């Protein structure tokens, strides 16, 4: 991610929620955003915090299992690619 700021539409797509849901999270303070003109923007450094709020423990567990499976099956290939 090379952008410094993300729009509410972009954050909604990343999170898989509606733009209205993003606005509600901004209003309640669950998503830290800045207002530029009439629009809200979310800084890149705030995205990890936002993503952690939206990932349930079950989703985190699924991701962990997927990563372990990938490393088990493709670990050697990943190591070789890392050396390039």
N, C-alpha and C. Protein backbone atom coordinates (compact mmCIF):
# COMPACT_ATOMS: atom_id res chain seq x y z
N UNK A 1 0.85 -1.18 0.00
CA UNK A 1 0.00 0.00 0.00
C UNK A 1 0.89 1.24 0.00
N UNK A 2 0.86 1.97 -1.07
CA UNK A 2 1.71 3.15 -1.18
C UNK A 2 0.97 4.43 -0.89
N UNK A 3 -0.33 4.36 -0.74
CA UNK A 3 -1.12 5.55 -0.45
C UNK A 3 -1.00 5.92 1.02
N UNK A 4 -1.10 7.22 1.31
CA UNK A 4 -1.08 7.67 2.70
C UNK A 4 -2.48 7.71 3.29
N UNK A 5 -3.47 8.03 2.46
CA UNK A 5 -4.85 8.16 2.92
C UNK A 5 -5.76 7.24 2.11
N UNK A 6 -6.83 6.77 2.75
CA UNK A 6 -7.84 5.96 2.09
C UNK A 6 -9.20 6.60 2.30
N UNK A 7 -10.02 6.56 1.27
CA UNK A 7 -11.37 7.11 1.37
C UNK A 7 -12.27 6.14 2.13
N UNK A 8 -13.43 6.62 2.50
CA UNK A 8 -14.39 5.75 3.19
C UNK A 8 -14.84 4.62 2.27
N UNK A 9 -14.95 4.90 0.98
CA UNK A 9 -15.34 3.86 0.02
C UNK A 9 -14.27 2.77 -0.04
N UNK A 10 -13.00 3.18 -0.09
CA UNK A 10 -11.92 2.20 -0.14
C UNK A 10 -11.86 1.36 1.12
N UNK A 11 -12.03 1.98 2.27
CA UNK A 11 -12.01 1.25 3.54
C UNK A 11 -13.19 0.29 3.62
N UNK A 12 -14.34 0.72 3.14
CA UNK A 12 -15.51 -0.16 3.12
C UNK A 12 -15.24 -1.40 2.28
N UNK A 13 -14.61 -1.22 1.12
CA UNK A 13 -14.28 -2.37 0.27
C UNK A 13 -13.27 -3.29 0.94
N UNK A 14 -12.27 -2.71 1.58
CA UNK A 14 -11.25 -3.51 2.28
C UNK A 14 -11.89 -4.35 3.38
N UNK A 15 -12.81 -3.73 4.11
CA UNK A 15 -13.44 -4.40 5.25
C UNK A 15 -14.62 -5.28 4.84
N UNK A 16 -15.13 -5.07 3.64
CA UNK A 16 -16.29 -5.84 3.19
C UNK A 16 -17.58 -5.41 3.86
N UNK A 17 -17.66 -4.11 4.14
CA UNK A 17 -18.87 -3.55 4.76
C UNK A 17 -19.34 -2.38 3.91
N UNK A 18 -20.48 -1.83 4.27
CA UNK A 18 -21.02 -0.69 3.53
C UNK A 18 -20.30 0.60 3.95
N UNK A 19 -20.43 1.60 3.11
CA UNK A 19 -19.85 2.91 3.42
C UNK A 19 -20.54 3.50 4.66
N UNK A 20 -21.82 3.26 4.79
CA UNK A 20 -22.57 3.74 5.95
C UNK A 20 -22.00 3.13 7.23
N UNK A 21 -21.64 1.85 7.18
CA UNK A 21 -21.04 1.19 8.35
C UNK A 21 -19.72 1.86 8.72
N UNK A 22 -18.96 2.25 7.72
CA UNK A 22 -17.69 2.94 7.98
C UNK A 22 -17.97 4.29 8.65
N UNK A 23 -18.96 5.03 8.15
CA UNK A 23 -19.31 6.31 8.76
C UNK A 23 -19.74 6.14 10.21
N UNK A 24 -20.50 5.10 10.49
CA UNK A 24 -20.94 4.85 11.87
C UNK A 24 -19.74 4.57 12.77
N UNK A 25 -18.77 3.80 12.27
CA UNK A 25 -17.57 3.51 13.05
C UNK A 25 -16.73 4.77 13.27
N UNK A 26 -16.71 5.65 12.29
CA UNK A 26 -15.99 6.92 12.45
C UNK A 26 -16.68 7.77 13.51
N UNK A 27 -18.01 7.83 13.43
CA UNK A 27 -18.79 8.65 14.37
C UNK A 27 -18.62 8.16 15.81
N UNK A 28 -18.56 6.84 16.00
CA UNK A 28 -18.41 6.30 17.35
C UNK A 28 -16.96 6.26 17.81
N UNK A 29 -16.03 6.61 16.92
CA UNK A 29 -14.62 6.64 17.29
C UNK A 29 -13.90 5.32 17.12
N UNK A 30 -14.56 4.32 16.57
CA UNK A 30 -13.92 3.02 16.38
C UNK A 30 -12.95 3.05 15.21
N UNK A 31 -13.18 3.96 14.27
CA UNK A 31 -12.24 4.19 13.18
C UNK A 31 -11.78 5.63 13.29
N UNK A 32 -10.47 5.80 13.40
CA UNK A 32 -9.91 7.15 13.49
C UNK A 32 -9.79 7.71 12.08
N UNK A 33 -10.44 8.85 11.85
CA UNK A 33 -10.45 9.46 10.52
C UNK A 33 -10.28 10.97 10.66
N UNK A 34 -9.87 11.57 9.56
CA UNK A 34 -9.72 13.02 9.49
C UNK A 34 -10.68 13.54 8.44
N UNK A 35 -11.18 14.74 8.69
CA UNK A 35 -12.10 15.34 7.72
C UNK A 35 -11.30 16.32 6.86
N UNK A 36 -11.36 16.09 5.56
CA UNK A 36 -10.72 16.98 4.60
C UNK A 36 -11.84 17.50 3.71
N UNK A 37 -12.15 18.77 3.88
CA UNK A 37 -13.30 19.33 3.16
C UNK A 37 -14.57 18.69 3.66
N UNK A 38 -15.31 18.07 2.75
CA UNK A 38 -16.56 17.39 3.14
C UNK A 38 -16.36 15.90 3.33
N UNK A 39 -15.16 15.41 3.10
CA UNK A 39 -14.92 13.97 3.11
C UNK A 39 -14.04 13.54 4.28
N UNK A 40 -14.24 12.32 4.71
CA UNK A 40 -13.39 11.71 5.71
C UNK A 40 -12.34 10.86 5.00
N UNK A 41 -11.14 10.84 5.57
CA UNK A 41 -10.07 9.97 5.07
C UNK A 41 -9.46 9.24 6.26
N UNK A 42 -8.96 8.05 5.99
CA UNK A 42 -8.34 7.22 7.02
C UNK A 42 -6.88 7.07 6.66
N UNK A 43 -6.01 7.40 7.59
CA UNK A 43 -4.56 7.28 7.35
C UNK A 43 -4.16 5.82 7.24
N UNK A 44 -3.15 5.57 6.43
CA UNK A 44 -2.65 4.21 6.21
C UNK A 44 -2.23 3.57 7.54
N UNK A 45 -1.59 4.33 8.41
CA UNK A 45 -1.13 3.74 9.67
C UNK A 45 -2.26 3.35 10.61
N UNK A 46 -3.47 3.85 10.36
CA UNK A 46 -4.63 3.47 11.17
C UNK A 46 -5.33 2.22 10.66
N UNK A 47 -5.02 1.79 9.45
CA UNK A 47 -5.69 0.62 8.88
C UNK A 47 -5.48 -0.66 9.68
N UNK A 48 -4.26 -0.96 10.15
CA UNK A 48 -4.12 -2.20 10.94
C UNK A 48 -5.06 -2.23 12.14
N UNK A 49 -5.22 -1.09 12.81
CA UNK A 49 -6.15 -1.03 13.95
C UNK A 49 -7.58 -1.29 13.51
N UNK A 50 -7.95 -0.71 12.39
CA UNK A 50 -9.30 -0.90 11.84
C UNK A 50 -9.52 -2.35 11.48
N UNK A 51 -8.55 -2.95 10.81
CA UNK A 51 -8.69 -4.34 10.38
C UNK A 51 -8.81 -5.28 11.56
N UNK A 52 -8.05 -5.03 12.63
CA UNK A 52 -8.13 -5.89 13.82
C UNK A 52 -9.51 -5.82 14.46
N UNK A 53 -10.18 -4.68 14.38
CA UNK A 53 -11.51 -4.56 14.95
C UNK A 53 -12.52 -5.42 14.20
N UNK A 54 -12.31 -5.57 12.91
CA UNK A 54 -13.28 -6.26 12.08
C UNK A 54 -13.01 -7.75 11.92
N UNK A 55 -11.85 -8.21 12.34
CA UNK A 55 -11.54 -9.63 12.24
C UNK A 55 -11.96 -10.33 13.53
N UNK A 56 -12.88 -11.24 13.41
CA UNK A 56 -13.31 -12.00 14.58
C UNK A 56 -12.22 -13.01 14.93
N UNK A 57 -12.30 -13.56 16.11
CA UNK A 57 -11.33 -14.57 16.52
C UNK A 57 -11.36 -15.77 15.58
N UNK A 58 -12.55 -16.10 15.11
CA UNK A 58 -12.69 -17.23 14.17
C UNK A 58 -11.95 -16.94 12.87
N UNK A 59 -12.11 -15.72 12.34
CA UNK A 59 -11.42 -15.33 11.11
C UNK A 59 -9.90 -15.32 11.31
N UNK A 60 -9.47 -14.82 12.47
CA UNK A 60 -8.03 -14.81 12.77
C UNK A 60 -7.50 -16.24 12.80
N UNK A 61 -8.27 -17.15 13.39
CA UNK A 61 -7.88 -18.56 13.46
C UNK A 61 -7.81 -19.18 12.07
N UNK A 62 -8.80 -18.86 11.22
CA UNK A 62 -8.80 -19.35 9.84
C UNK A 62 -7.56 -18.87 9.09
N UNK A 63 -7.21 -17.61 9.26
CA UNK A 63 -6.02 -17.06 8.61
C UNK A 63 -4.77 -17.76 9.10
N UNK A 64 -4.68 -17.97 10.40
CA UNK A 64 -3.52 -18.65 10.98
C UNK A 64 -3.38 -20.07 10.42
N UNK A 65 -4.48 -20.79 10.33
CA UNK A 65 -4.46 -22.15 9.78
C UNK A 65 -4.03 -22.13 8.32
N UNK A 66 -4.54 -21.17 7.56
CA UNK A 66 -4.17 -21.05 6.14
C UNK A 66 -2.68 -20.75 5.98
N UNK A 67 -2.16 -19.88 6.80
CA UNK A 67 -0.74 -19.54 6.73
C UNK A 67 0.12 -20.76 7.06
N UNK A 68 -0.25 -21.48 8.11
CA UNK A 68 0.50 -22.68 8.48
C UNK A 68 0.47 -23.72 7.37
N UNK A 69 -0.71 -23.90 6.76
CA UNK A 69 -0.84 -24.87 5.67
C UNK A 69 0.01 -24.46 4.48
N UNK A 70 -0.01 -23.18 4.15
CA UNK A 70 0.78 -22.68 3.03
C UNK A 70 2.26 -22.87 3.29
N UNK A 71 2.71 -22.56 4.50
CA UNK A 71 4.12 -22.73 4.84
C UNK A 71 4.53 -24.20 4.81
N UNK A 72 3.63 -25.07 5.25
CA UNK A 72 3.92 -26.50 5.25
C UNK A 72 4.08 -27.01 3.82
N UNK A 73 3.17 -26.57 2.93
CA UNK A 73 3.17 -27.07 1.55
C UNK A 73 4.18 -26.36 0.66
N UNK A 74 4.39 -25.08 0.89
CA UNK A 74 5.23 -24.29 -0.02
C UNK A 74 6.39 -23.60 0.69
N UNK A 75 6.70 -24.00 1.89
CA UNK A 75 7.74 -23.35 2.67
C UNK A 75 9.08 -23.24 1.96
N UNK A 76 9.51 -24.34 1.36
CA UNK A 76 10.80 -24.34 0.66
C UNK A 76 10.78 -23.35 -0.51
N UNK A 77 9.71 -23.36 -1.27
CA UNK A 77 9.57 -22.45 -2.41
C UNK A 77 9.57 -20.99 -1.94
N UNK A 78 8.88 -20.71 -0.85
CA UNK A 78 8.82 -19.34 -0.31
C UNK A 78 10.23 -18.91 0.12
N UNK A 79 10.97 -19.81 0.74
CA UNK A 79 12.35 -19.48 1.16
C UNK A 79 13.21 -19.15 -0.05
N UNK A 80 13.07 -19.95 -1.11
CA UNK A 80 13.86 -19.70 -2.31
C UNK A 80 13.48 -18.37 -2.96
N UNK A 81 12.20 -18.07 -2.99
CA UNK A 81 11.75 -16.80 -3.56
C UNK A 81 12.24 -15.62 -2.73
N UNK A 82 12.32 -15.82 -1.42
CA UNK A 82 12.80 -14.78 -0.53
C UNK A 82 14.26 -14.43 -0.76
N UNK A 83 15.02 -15.38 -1.28
CA UNK A 83 16.44 -15.14 -1.53
C UNK A 83 16.66 -14.34 -2.80
N UNK A 84 15.68 -14.31 -3.69
CA UNK A 84 15.84 -13.59 -4.97
C UNK A 84 15.78 -12.10 -4.79
